[in-house]
């Protein structure tokens, strides 16, 4: 795909722009009243648990500055964990701790160290709204650090990759895996420097990717190709993602899933405004798939999760 093409060519390729995404899909299929279900990660986690869906374990929640003194007690029995703002966006404010070196010193996924005092200060910033949507006061979540499959150790730097699946009206529309890099500080976030590698919906295999808005075929830190890696339990992941439509009622949704060595697929979080870089990662436009899904809904409006998760087999 050429990176500099005419607007007409972009339309022919089915490239979905931000205005079209907001007006035709998010605005039409995501009622505002449902946004809190996904904008608040703590609420999302509890909603998923009530529905019997697997999520990373929650170790503790810090709601007030007075409660910051509880952080050391929450972490007392955990060597690795993740600290994140409940209402954060774009991966901001997430700290991944890989190991505990002693009572007051921790090692981040990137290899850098962090003291307990620094960690408590970070929690204080979270509570003050430094990373939340709109800068509003927030709460800090401390949860299980996922141990990802060794299958992807050659194409991931330190951190845990996650799989983003765009779900439209209950149908998986496009997918990619986000691979941490040294630049992203071990986080699977494209805005912070992670790689987005496209995933073929039919096979569950990775295709080419994007890094810093540029096409890439190899991981910049490991040198290994990111092409042709099979995602384990792919069919199960598609069904899990499709079920998030029934869980939230949101018609245009980003579902982020991680694969834990011990617990299998876990829902990490949901997003009511998923970005469009997934099109670059897959080297194809999203709109054609969305239009095909519209026809599927029209033909079979009461399709179950299994049918919805396999719609692409007939296309």
C-alpha atoms as a PDB file:
ATOM      1  CA  UNK A   1       0.000   0.000   0.000  1.00  0.00           C
ATOM      2  CA  UNK A   2       1.375   3.389  -0.922  1.00  0.00           C
ATOM      3  CA  UNK A   3       1.665   5.839   1.958  1.00  0.00           C
ATOM      4  CA  UNK A   4       0.882   8.886  -0.200  1.00  0.00           C
ATOM      5  CA  UNK A   5      -2.280   8.377  -2.235  1.00  0.00           C
ATOM      6  CA  UNK A   6      -5.268  10.409  -3.313  1.00  0.00           C
ATOM      7  CA  UNK A   7      -8.463  10.620  -1.237  1.00  0.00           C
ATOM      8  CA  UNK A   8     -10.270   8.686  -3.967  1.00  0.00           C
ATOM      9  CA  UNK A   9      -7.715   5.897  -3.787  1.00  0.00           C
ATOM     10  CA  UNK A  10      -8.078   5.778   0.004  1.00  0.00           C
ATOM     11  CA  UNK A  11     -11.840   5.361  -0.401  1.00  0.00           C
ATOM     12  CA  UNK A  12     -11.309   2.568  -2.928  1.00  0.00           C
ATOM     13  CA  UNK A  13      -9.009   0.829  -0.447  1.00  0.00           C
ATOM     14  CA  UNK A  14     -11.658   1.084   2.258  1.00  0.00           C
ATOM     15  CA  UNK A  15      -9.539   3.254   4.549  1.00  0.00           C
ATOM     16  CA  UNK A  16     -11.656   4.525   7.436  1.00  0.00           C
ATOM     17  CA  UNK A  17     -10.845   8.079   8.523  1.00  0.00           C
ATOM     18  CA  UNK A  18     -11.340   9.526  11.982  1.00  0.00           C
ATOM     19  CA  UNK A  19     -14.337  11.677  11.040  1.00  0.00           C
ATOM     20  CA  UNK A  20     -16.119   8.712   9.446  1.00  0.00           C
ATOM     21  CA  UNK A  21     -15.256   6.523  12.412  1.00  0.00           C
ATOM     22  CA  UNK A  22     -16.665   9.082  14.845  1.00  0.00           C
ATOM     23  CA  UNK A  23     -19.789   9.953  12.855  1.00  0.00           C
ATOM     24  CA  UNK A  24     -20.815   6.699  11.177  1.00  0.00           C
ATOM     25  CA  UNK A  25     -19.771   4.179  13.797  1.00  0.00           C
ATOM     26  CA  UNK A  26     -18.914   5.504  17.250  1.00  0.00           C
ATOM     27  CA  UNK A  27     -21.612   8.186  17.160  1.00  0.00           C
ATOM     28  CA  UNK A  28     -24.251   5.822  15.815  1.00  0.00           C
ATOM     29  CA  UNK A  29     -23.524   2.627  17.728  1.00  0.00           C
ATOM     30  CA  UNK A  30     -21.959   3.742  21.025  1.00  0.00           C
ATOM     31  CA  UNK A  31     -24.536   5.459  23.262  1.00  0.00           C
ATOM     32  CA  UNK A  32     -22.841   7.945  25.573  1.00  0.00           C
ATOM     33  CA  UNK A  33     -24.561   6.496  28.617  1.00  0.00           C
ATOM     34  CA  UNK A  34     -22.595   3.252  28.116  1.00  0.00           C
ATOM     35  CA  UNK A  35     -19.140   4.868  28.026  1.00  0.00           C
ATOM     36  CA  UNK A  36     -18.541   4.529  31.795  1.00  0.00           C
ATOM     37  CA  UNK A  37     -18.642   0.749  31.362  1.00  0.00           C
ATOM     38  CA  UNK A  38     -15.341   0.880  29.475  1.00  0.00           C
ATOM     39  CA  UNK A  39     -13.819   4.252  30.421  1.00  0.00           C
ATOM     40  CA  UNK A  40     -13.568   3.068  34.027  1.00  0.00           C
ATOM     41  CA  UNK A  41     -11.253   0.025  34.019  1.00  0.00           C
ATOM     42  CA  UNK A  42     -12.330  -0.965  37.507  1.00  0.00           C
ATOM     43  CA  UNK A  43     -15.974  -1.060  36.417  1.00  0.00           C
ATOM     44  CA  UNK A  44     -15.027  -3.000  33.278  1.00  0.00           C
ATOM     45  CA  UNK A  45     -13.186  -5.597  35.339  1.00  0.00           C
ATOM     46  CA  UNK A  46     -16.116  -6.109  37.682  1.00  0.00           C
ATOM     47  CA  UNK A  47     -18.572  -6.293  34.772  1.00  0.00           C
ATOM     48  CA  UNK A  48     -16.468  -8.987  33.101  1.00  0.00           C
ATOM     49  CA  UNK A  49     -16.120 -10.945  36.336  1.00  0.00           C
ATOM     50  CA  UNK A  50     -19.887 -10.910  36.851  1.00  0.00           C
ATOM     51  CA  UNK A  51     -20.279 -12.324  33.321  1.00  0.00           C
ATOM     52  CA  UNK A  52     -17.810 -15.114  34.099  1.00  0.00           C
ATOM     53  CA  UNK A  53     -15.064 -13.744  31.830  1.00  0.00           C
ATOM     54  CA  UNK A  54     -11.417 -14.080  32.824  1.00  0.00           C
ATOM     55  CA  UNK A  55      -9.485 -10.909  33.728  1.00  0.00           C
ATOM     56  CA  UNK A  56      -6.160 -10.258  35.508  1.00  0.00           C
ATOM     57  CA  UNK A  57      -6.544 -10.577  39.281  1.00  0.00           C
ATOM     58  CA  UNK A  58      -7.058  -7.354  41.219  1.00  0.00           C
ATOM     59  CA  UNK A  59      -4.672  -7.062  44.188  1.00  0.00           C
ATOM     60  CA  UNK A  60      -5.975  -3.790  45.546  1.00  0.00           C
ATOM     61  CA  UNK A  61      -7.449  -0.335  44.900  1.00  0.00           C
ATOM     62  CA  UNK A  62      -6.189   2.971  46.261  1.00  0.00           C
ATOM     63  CA  UNK A  63      -8.961   5.572  46.315  1.00  0.00           C
ATOM     64  CA  UNK A  64      -7.638   8.419  48.479  1.00  0.00           C
ATOM     65  CA  UNK A  65      -4.292  10.008  49.320  1.00  0.00           C
ATOM     66  CA  UNK A  66      -4.775   8.800  52.881  1.00  0.00           C
ATOM     67  CA  UNK A  67      -4.894   5.223  51.545  1.00  0.00           C
ATOM     68  CA  UNK A  68      -1.487   5.505  49.848  1.00  0.00           C
ATOM     69  CA  UNK A  69       0.103   4.187  53.039  1.00  0.00           C
ATOM     70  CA  UNK A  70      -1.691   0.888  52.245  1.00  0.00           C
ATOM     71  CA  UNK A  71       0.350   0.377  49.069  1.00  0.00           C
ATOM     72  CA  UNK A  72       3.192  -1.445  50.825  1.00  0.00           C
ATOM     73  CA  UNK A  73       0.704  -3.775  52.516  1.00  0.00           C
ATOM     74  CA  UNK A  74      -1.083  -4.529  49.222  1.00  0.00           C
ATOM     75  CA  UNK A  75       2.263  -5.381  47.617  1.00  0.00           C
ATOM     76  CA  UNK A  76       3.567  -7.355  50.586  1.00  0.00           C
ATOM     77  CA  UNK A  77       3.096 -10.791  48.951  1.00  0.00           C
ATOM     78  CA  UNK A  78       3.652  -9.848  45.307  1.00  0.00           C
ATOM     79  CA  UNK A  79       6.961  -9.725  43.461  1.00  0.00           C
ATOM     80  CA  UNK A  80       5.443  -8.536  40.170  1.00  0.00           C
ATOM     81  CA  UNK A  81       2.370  -6.416  39.490  1.00  0.00           C
ATOM     82  CA  UNK A  82       0.907  -3.568  37.446  1.00  0.00           C
ATOM     83  CA  UNK A  83      -0.189  -0.155  38.709  1.00  0.00           C
ATOM     84  CA  UNK A  84      -2.636   1.715  36.491  1.00  0.00           C
ATOM     85  CA  UNK A  85      -5.174   4.547  36.609  1.00  0.00           C
ATOM     86  CA  UNK A  86      -8.752   3.353  36.426  1.00  0.00           C
ATOM     87  CA  UNK A  87      -9.725   6.086  33.962  1.00  0.00           C
ATOM     88  CA  UNK A  88      -6.447   6.418  32.086  1.00  0.00           C
ATOM     89  CA  UNK A  89      -6.130   6.590  28.314  1.00  0.00           C
ATOM     90  CA  UNK A  90      -3.438   5.846  25.756  1.00  0.00           C
ATOM     91  CA  UNK A  91      -1.434   3.718  28.179  1.00  0.00           C
ATOM     92  CA  UNK A  92      -0.457   6.770  30.235  1.00  0.00           C
ATOM     93  CA  UNK A  93       0.230   6.195  33.908  1.00  0.00           C
ATOM     94  CA  UNK A  94       0.708   2.426  33.682  1.00  0.00           C
ATOM     95  CA  UNK A  95       3.719   1.076  35.571  1.00  0.00           C
ATOM     96  CA  UNK A  96       4.710  -2.550  35.063  1.00  0.00           C
ATOM     97  CA  UNK A  97       6.841  -4.051  37.829  1.00  0.00           C
ATOM     98  CA  UNK A  98       8.754  -7.151  36.774  1.00  0.00           C
ATOM     99  CA  UNK A  99      10.359  -8.095  40.090  1.00  0.00           C
ATOM    100  CA  UNK A 100      10.898  -7.020  43.676  1.00  0.00           C
ATOM    101  CA  UNK A 101      14.590  -6.588  44.502  1.00  0.00           C
ATOM    102  CA  UNK A 102      14.105  -5.894  48.206  1.00  0.00           C
ATOM    103  CA  UNK A 103      11.503  -4.477  50.591  1.00  0.00           C
ATOM    104  CA  UNK A 104      11.676  -0.984  49.108  1.00  0.00           C
ATOM    105  CA  UNK A 105      13.061  -1.474  45.587  1.00  0.00           C
ATOM    106  CA  UNK A 106      11.362  -2.756  42.446  1.00  0.00           C
ATOM    107  CA  UNK A 107      12.475  -3.467  38.881  1.00  0.00           C
ATOM    108  CA  UNK A 108      10.324  -2.234  36.013  1.00  0.00           C
ATOM    109  CA  UNK A 109       9.746  -4.224  32.829  1.00  0.00           C
ATOM    110  CA  UNK A 110      12.264  -1.975  31.060  1.00  0.00           C
ATOM    111  CA  UNK A 111      14.956  -2.924  33.589  1.00  0.00           C
ATOM    112  CA  UNK A 112      14.960   0.419  35.397  1.00  0.00           C
ATOM    113  CA  UNK A 113      14.441   0.442  39.154  1.00  0.00           C
ATOM    114  CA  UNK A 114      11.790   2.202  41.201  1.00  0.00           C
ATOM    115  CA  UNK A 115      11.665   2.732  44.956  1.00  0.00           C
ATOM    116  CA  UNK A 116       8.584   2.269  47.092  1.00  0.00           C
ATOM    117  CA  UNK A 117       8.559   6.026  47.701  1.00  0.00           C
ATOM    118  CA  UNK A 118       8.589   6.677  43.939  1.00  0.00           C
ATOM    119  CA  UNK A 119       5.801   4.171  43.443  1.00  0.00           C
ATOM    120  CA  UNK A 120       3.689   5.845  46.138  1.00  0.00           C
ATOM    121  CA  UNK A 121       4.338   9.224  44.500  1.00  0.00           C
ATOM    122  CA  UNK A 122       3.141   7.780  41.191  1.00  0.00           C
ATOM    123  CA  UNK A 123      -0.032   6.532  42.872  1.00  0.00           C
ATOM    124  CA  UNK A 124      -0.542  10.037  44.262  1.00  0.00           C
ATOM    125  CA  UNK A 125      -0.318  11.454  40.730  1.00  0.00           C
ATOM    126  CA  UNK A 126      -2.895   8.945  39.551  1.00  0.00           C
ATOM    127  CA  UNK A 127      -5.309   9.982  42.307  1.00  0.00           C
ATOM    128  CA  UNK A 128      -4.832  13.631  41.347  1.00  0.00           C
ATOM    129  CA  UNK A 129      -5.954  12.886  37.799  1.00  0.00           C
ATOM    130  CA  UNK A 130      -2.586  13.272  36.063  1.00  0.00           C
ATOM    131  CA  UNK A 131      -3.436  10.463  33.623  1.00  0.00           C
ATOM    132  CA  UNK A 132      -7.235  10.361  33.610  1.00  0.00           C
ATOM    133  CA  UNK A 133      -9.618  11.420  30.883  1.00  0.00           C
ATOM    134  CA  UNK A 134     -10.307  15.125  31.372  1.00  0.00           C
ATOM    135  CA  UNK A 135      -7.837  15.345  34.258  1.00  0.00           C
ATOM    136  CA  UNK A 136     -10.502  14.321  36.772  1.00  0.00           C
ATOM    137  CA  UNK A 137      -9.614  12.690  40.110  1.00  0.00           C
ATOM    138  CA  UNK A 138      -9.037   8.967  39.696  1.00  0.00           C
ATOM    139  CA  UNK A 139      -8.340   5.779  41.612  1.00  0.00           C
ATOM    140  CA  UNK A 140      -5.270   3.541  41.294  1.00  0.00           C
ATOM    141  CA  UNK A 141      -5.577  -0.156  40.525  1.00  0.00           C
ATOM    142  CA  UNK A 142      -2.893  -2.684  41.468  1.00  0.00           C
ATOM    143  CA  UNK A 143      -3.334  -5.942  39.593  1.00  0.00           C
ATOM    144  CA  UNK A 144      -1.702  -9.132  38.399  1.00  0.00           C
ATOM    145  CA  UNK A 145       1.165  -8.840  35.932  1.00  0.00           C
ATOM    146  CA  UNK A 146       0.410 -11.195  33.083  1.00  0.00           C
ATOM    147  CA  UNK A 147       3.031 -13.798  32.147  1.00  0.00           C
ATOM    148  CA  UNK A 148       2.775 -14.013  28.368  1.00  0.00           C
ATOM    149  CA  UNK A 149       3.454 -17.086  26.240  1.00  0.00           C
ATOM    150  CA  UNK A 150       7.129 -17.730  25.421  1.00  0.00           C
ATOM    151  CA  UNK A 151       6.023 -18.109  21.807  1.00  0.00           C
ATOM    152  CA  UNK A 152       6.418 -14.352  21.386  1.00  0.00           C
ATOM    153  CA  UNK A 153       9.601 -13.763  23.371  1.00  0.00           C
ATOM    154  CA  UNK A 154      11.621 -13.157  20.181  1.00  0.00           C
ATOM    155  CA  UNK A 155       9.316 -10.372  18.980  1.00  0.00           C
ATOM    156  CA  UNK A 156       8.643  -8.586  22.243  1.00  0.00           C
ATOM    157  CA  UNK A 157      10.959  -6.485  24.411  1.00  0.00           C
ATOM    158  CA  UNK A 158      10.546  -7.144  28.153  1.00  0.00           C
ATOM    159  CA  UNK A 159       6.817  -6.397  28.452  1.00  0.00           C
ATOM    160  CA  UNK A 160       3.645  -8.323  27.661  1.00  0.00           C
ATOM    161  CA  UNK A 161       2.111  -8.131  24.157  1.00  0.00           C
ATOM    162  CA  UNK A 162      -1.636  -7.725  23.870  1.00  0.00           C
ATOM    163  CA  UNK A 163      -4.119  -8.432  21.117  1.00  0.00           C
ATOM    164  CA  UNK A 164      -6.496  -5.691  19.971  1.00  0.00           C
ATOM    165  CA  UNK A 165      -9.667  -6.841  18.200  1.00  0.00           C
ATOM    166  CA  UNK A 166     -12.103  -4.322  16.734  1.00  0.00           C
ATOM    167  CA  UNK A 167     -15.641  -5.598  17.288  1.00  0.00           C
ATOM    168  CA  UNK A 168     -18.433  -4.077  15.218  1.00  0.00           C
ATOM    169  CA  UNK A 169     -22.060  -4.907  16.058  1.00  0.00           C
ATOM    170  CA  UNK A 170     -20.824  -8.075  17.734  1.00  0.00           C
ATOM    171  CA  UNK A 171     -18.556  -9.214  14.880  1.00  0.00           C
ATOM    172  CA  UNK A 172     -14.727  -9.220  14.980  1.00  0.00           C
ATOM    173  CA  UNK A 173     -13.788  -6.796  12.191  1.00  0.00           C
ATOM    174  CA  UNK A 174      -9.990  -6.532  12.368  1.00  0.00           C
ATOM    175  CA  UNK A 175      -7.183  -7.560  14.724  1.00  0.00           C
ATOM    176  CA  UNK A 176      -3.564  -6.868  15.563  1.00  0.00           C
ATOM    177  CA  UNK A 177      -1.016  -7.782  18.217  1.00  0.00           C
ATOM    178  CA  UNK A 178       0.847  -4.948  19.932  1.00  0.00           C
ATOM    179  CA  UNK A 179       4.455  -5.815  20.683  1.00  0.00           C
ATOM    180  CA  UNK A 180       6.419  -3.920  23.357  1.00  0.00           C
ATOM    181  CA  UNK A 181       9.754  -2.350  22.453  1.00  0.00           C
ATOM    182  CA  UNK A 182      12.537  -0.692  24.370  1.00  0.00           C
ATOM    183  CA  UNK A 183      11.124   2.643  23.224  1.00  0.00           C
ATOM    184  CA  UNK A 184       7.715   1.799  24.688  1.00  0.00           C
ATOM    185  CA  UNK A 185       9.299   0.919  28.072  1.00  0.00           C
ATOM    186  CA  UNK A 186       7.954  -2.621  27.799  1.00  0.00           C
ATOM    187  CA  UNK A 187       4.363  -1.430  27.280  1.00  0.00           C
ATOM    188  CA  UNK A 188       2.086  -2.662  24.494  1.00  0.00           C
ATOM    189  CA  UNK A 189       1.010   0.818  23.466  1.00  0.00           C
ATOM    190  CA  UNK A 190       1.476   2.157  19.937  1.00  0.00           C
ATOM    191  CA  UNK A 191       1.506   5.796  21.061  1.00  0.00           C
ATOM    192  CA  UNK A 192       4.498   5.056  23.275  1.00  0.00           C
ATOM    193  CA  UNK A 193       6.483   3.142  20.659  1.00  0.00           C
ATOM    194  CA  UNK A 194       5.148  -0.418  20.542  1.00  0.00           C
ATOM    195  CA  UNK A 195       4.774  -2.280  17.243  1.00  0.00           C
ATOM    196  CA  UNK A 196       1.351  -3.107  15.824  1.00  0.00           C
ATOM    197  CA  UNK A 197       1.414  -6.339  13.788  1.00  0.00           C
ATOM    198  CA  UNK A 198      -1.668  -7.241  11.763  1.00  0.00           C
ATOM    199  CA  UNK A 199      -3.430 -10.570  12.315  1.00  0.00           C
ATOM    200  CA  UNK A 200      -5.235 -12.464   9.581  1.00  0.00           C
ATOM    201  CA  UNK A 201      -8.769 -13.086  10.878  1.00  0.00           C
ATOM    202  CA  UNK A 202      -9.082 -16.453   9.142  1.00  0.00           C
ATOM    203  CA  UNK A 203      -5.794 -17.992  10.234  1.00  0.00           C
ATOM    204  CA  UNK A 204      -4.827 -16.083  13.373  1.00  0.00           C
ATOM    205  CA  UNK A 205      -1.313 -15.567  11.958  1.00  0.00           C
ATOM    206  CA  UNK A 206       0.572 -12.292  12.169  1.00  0.00           C
ATOM    207  CA  UNK A 207       1.227 -10.327   9.020  1.00  0.00           C
ATOM    208  CA  UNK A 208       3.300  -7.171   8.547  1.00  0.00           C
ATOM    209  CA  UNK A 209       3.235  -4.310  11.004  1.00  0.00           C
ATOM    210  CA  UNK A 210       3.704  -0.655  11.830  1.00  0.00           C
ATOM    211  CA  UNK A 211       6.135   1.089  14.174  1.00  0.00           C
ATOM    212  CA  UNK A 212       6.115   4.854  14.694  1.00  0.00           C
ATOM    213  CA  UNK A 213       3.644   5.114  11.779  1.00  0.00           C
ATOM    214  CA  UNK A 214       6.101   3.399   9.445  1.00  0.00           C
ATOM    215  CA  UNK A 215       5.831  -0.106   7.921  1.00  0.00           C
ATOM    216  CA  UNK A 216       8.059  -2.697   9.592  1.00  0.00           C
ATOM    217  CA  UNK A 217       8.638  -6.444   9.153  1.00  0.00           C
ATOM    218  CA  UNK A 218      11.161  -7.056  11.962  1.00  0.00           C
ATOM    219  CA  UNK A 219      11.267  -6.163  15.640  1.00  0.00           C
ATOM    220  CA  UNK A 220      13.684  -3.217  16.114  1.00  0.00           C
ATOM    221  CA  UNK A 221      15.195  -4.626  19.319  1.00  0.00           C
ATOM    222  CA  UNK A 222      15.397  -8.364  18.624  1.00  0.00           C
ATOM    223  CA  UNK A 223      15.744  -8.311  14.838  1.00  0.00           C
ATOM    224  CA  UNK A 224      13.313 -11.224  14.478  1.00  0.00           C
ATOM    225  CA  UNK A 225      10.557 -11.160  11.876  1.00  0.00           C
ATOM    226  CA  UNK A 226       7.099 -10.332  13.162  1.00  0.00           C
ATOM    227  CA  UNK A 227       5.455 -12.146  10.232  1.00  0.00           C
ATOM    228  CA  UNK A 228       3.891 -15.611  10.369  1.00  0.00           C
ATOM    229  CA  UNK A 229       3.436 -16.140  14.114  1.00  0.00           C
ATOM    230  CA  UNK A 230       0.335 -18.161  15.052  1.00  0.00           C
ATOM    231  CA  UNK A 231      -1.815 -16.725  17.855  1.00  0.00           C
ATOM    232  CA  UNK A 232      -2.757 -19.597  20.222  1.00  0.00           C
ATOM    233  CA  UNK A 233      -6.453 -20.332  20.803  1.00  0.00           C
ATOM    234  CA  UNK A 234      -7.407 -17.899  18.043  1.00  0.00           C
ATOM    235  CA  UNK A 235     -11.017 -19.075  17.685  1.00  0.00           C
ATOM    236  CA  UNK A 236     -11.538 -18.748  21.432  1.00  0.00           C
ATOM    237  CA  UNK A 237     -10.143 -15.202  21.355  1.00  0.00           C
ATOM    238  CA  UNK A 238     -12.559 -14.202  18.591  1.00  0.00           C
ATOM    239  CA  UNK A 239     -15.507 -15.596  20.562  1.00  0.00           C
ATOM    240  CA  UNK A 240     -14.324 -13.794  23.701  1.00  0.00           C
ATOM    241  CA  UNK A 241     -14.097 -10.514  21.791  1.00  0.00           C
ATOM    242  CA  UNK A 242     -17.490 -10.983  20.111  1.00  0.00           C
ATOM    243  CA  UNK A 243     -19.063 -11.560  23.522  1.00  0.00           C
ATOM    244  CA  UNK A 244     -17.931  -8.134  24.720  1.00  0.00           C
ATOM    245  CA  UNK A 245     -20.617  -6.590  22.519  1.00  0.00           C
ATOM    246  CA  UNK A 246     -23.250  -8.470  24.523  1.00  0.00           C
ATOM    247  CA  UNK A 247     -21.445  -7.490  27.720  1.00  0.00           C
ATOM    248  CA  UNK A 248     -21.431  -3.726  27.086  1.00  0.00           C
ATOM    249  CA  UNK A 249     -23.970  -2.947  24.354  1.00  0.00           C
ATOM    250  CA  UNK A 250     -21.329  -0.901  22.525  1.00  0.00           C
ATOM    251  CA  UNK A 251     -21.483  -1.463  18.777  1.00  0.00           C
ATOM    252  CA  UNK A 252     -17.990  -0.226  17.904  1.00  0.00           C
ATOM    253  CA  UNK A 253     -15.500  -1.523  20.404  1.00  0.00           C
ATOM    254  CA  UNK A 254     -11.817  -2.268  20.887  1.00  0.00           C
ATOM    255  CA  UNK A 255     -11.210  -5.430  22.925  1.00  0.00           C
ATOM    256  CA  UNK A 256      -7.719  -5.909  24.382  1.00  0.00           C
ATOM    257  CA  UNK A 257      -6.791  -9.476  25.321  1.00  0.00           C
ATOM    258  CA  UNK A 258      -3.608 -10.968  26.758  1.00  0.00           C
ATOM    259  CA  UNK A 259      -2.525 -14.604  26.797  1.00  0.00           C
ATOM    260  CA  UNK A 260      -1.331 -15.705  30.220  1.00  0.00           C
ATOM    261  CA  UNK A 261       0.872 -18.820  30.469  1.00  0.00           C
ATOM    262  CA  UNK A 262      -1.191 -20.191  33.330  1.00  0.00           C
ATOM    263  CA  UNK A 263      -4.688 -18.738  32.924  1.00  0.00           C
ATOM    264  CA  UNK A 264      -5.016 -18.472  29.138  1.00  0.00           C
ATOM    265  CA  UNK A 265      -6.845 -15.536  27.473  1.00  0.00           C
ATOM    266  CA  UNK A 266      -7.624 -12.641  29.823  1.00  0.00           C
ATOM    267  CA  UNK A 267      -9.560  -9.489  28.973  1.00  0.00           C
ATOM    268  CA  UNK A 268      -7.271  -6.589  29.753  1.00  0.00           C
ATOM    269  CA  UNK A 269      -9.572  -3.681  28.923  1.00  0.00           C
ATOM    270  CA  UNK A 270     -12.208  -2.374  26.521  1.00  0.00           C
ATOM    271  CA  UNK A 271     -12.160   0.823  24.480  1.00  0.00           C
ATOM    272  CA  UNK A 272     -15.138   2.754  23.102  1.00  0.00           C
ATOM    273  CA  UNK A 273     -12.908   4.822  20.798  1.00  0.00           C
ATOM    274  CA  UNK A 274     -10.355   2.387  19.346  1.00  0.00           C
ATOM    275  CA  UNK A 275      -7.751   3.988  17.103  1.00  0.00           C
ATOM    276  CA  UNK A 276      -7.282   3.471  13.385  1.00  0.00           C
ATOM    277  CA  UNK A 277      -3.602   2.462  13.240  1.00  0.00           C
ATOM    278  CA  UNK A 278      -4.855  -1.117  13.071  1.00  0.00           C
ATOM    279  CA  UNK A 279      -5.454  -0.451   9.365  1.00  0.00           C
ATOM    280  CA  UNK A 280      -1.785   0.375   8.811  1.00  0.00           C
ATOM    281  CA  UNK A 281      -0.739  -2.705  10.775  1.00  0.00           C
ATOM    282  CA  UNK A 282      -2.900  -4.892   8.535  1.00  0.00           C
ATOM    283  CA  UNK A 283      -2.106  -2.950   5.333  1.00  0.00           C
ATOM    284  CA  UNK A 284      -5.806  -2.815   4.513  1.00  0.00           C
ATOM    285  CA  UNK A 285      -8.801  -0.611   5.155  1.00  0.00           C
ATOM    286  CA  UNK A 286     -11.377  -1.355   7.804  1.00  0.00           C
ATOM    287  CA  UNK A 287     -14.449   0.020   6.047  1.00  0.00           C
ATOM    288  CA  UNK A 288     -14.955  -2.892   3.638  1.00  0.00           C
ATOM    289  CA  UNK A 289     -15.125  -5.303   6.582  1.00  0.00           C
ATOM    290  CA  UNK A 290     -17.588  -3.059   8.405  1.00  0.00           C
ATOM    291  CA  UNK A 291     -19.815  -2.924   5.337  1.00  0.00           C
ATOM    292  CA  UNK A 292     -19.730  -6.719   5.027  1.00  0.00           C
ATOM    293  CA  UNK A 293     -20.678  -7.014   8.696  1.00  0.00           C
ATOM    294  CA  UNK A 294     -23.631  -4.658   8.120  1.00  0.00           C
ATOM    295  CA  UNK A 295     -24.859  -7.105   5.468  1.00  0.00           C
ATOM    296  CA  UNK A 296     -24.369 -10.027   7.868  1.00  0.00           C
ATOM    297  CA  UNK A 297     -26.474  -8.266  10.521  1.00  0.00           C
ATOM    298  CA  UNK A 298     -29.176  -7.519   7.983  1.00  0.00           C
ATOM    299  CA  UNK A 299     -29.265 -11.154   6.843  1.00  0.00           C
ATOM    300  CA  UNK A 300     -29.109 -12.704  10.324  1.00  0.00           C
ATOM    301  CA  UNK A 301     -29.962 -10.131  13.032  1.00  0.00           C
ATOM    302  CA  UNK A 302     -30.113 -12.745  15.795  1.00  0.00           C
ATOM    303  CA  UNK A 303     -26.817 -14.501  15.121  1.00  0.00           C
ATOM    304  CA  UNK A 304     -25.175 -16.026  18.202  1.00  0.00           C
ATOM    305  CA  UNK A 305     -21.605 -15.411  19.351  1.00  0.00           C
ATOM    306  CA  UNK A 306     -20.167 -18.457  17.569  1.00  0.00           C
ATOM    307  CA  UNK A 307     -21.741 -17.450  14.251  1.00  0.00           C
ATOM    308  CA  UNK A 308     -20.626 -13.840  14.624  1.00  0.00           C
ATOM    309  CA  UNK A 309     -17.061 -14.787  15.492  1.00  0.00           C
ATOM    310  CA  UNK A 310     -16.780 -16.860  12.287  1.00  0.00           C
ATOM    311  CA  UNK A 311     -18.438 -14.542   9.790  1.00  0.00           C
ATOM    312  CA  UNK A 312     -15.214 -14.038   7.846  1.00  0.00           C
ATOM    313  CA  UNK A 313     -15.102 -17.730   6.799  1.00  0.00           C
ATOM    314  CA  UNK A 314     -17.704 -17.003   4.109  1.00  0.00           C
ATOM    315  CA  UNK A 315     -15.896 -13.916   2.759  1.00  0.00           C
END
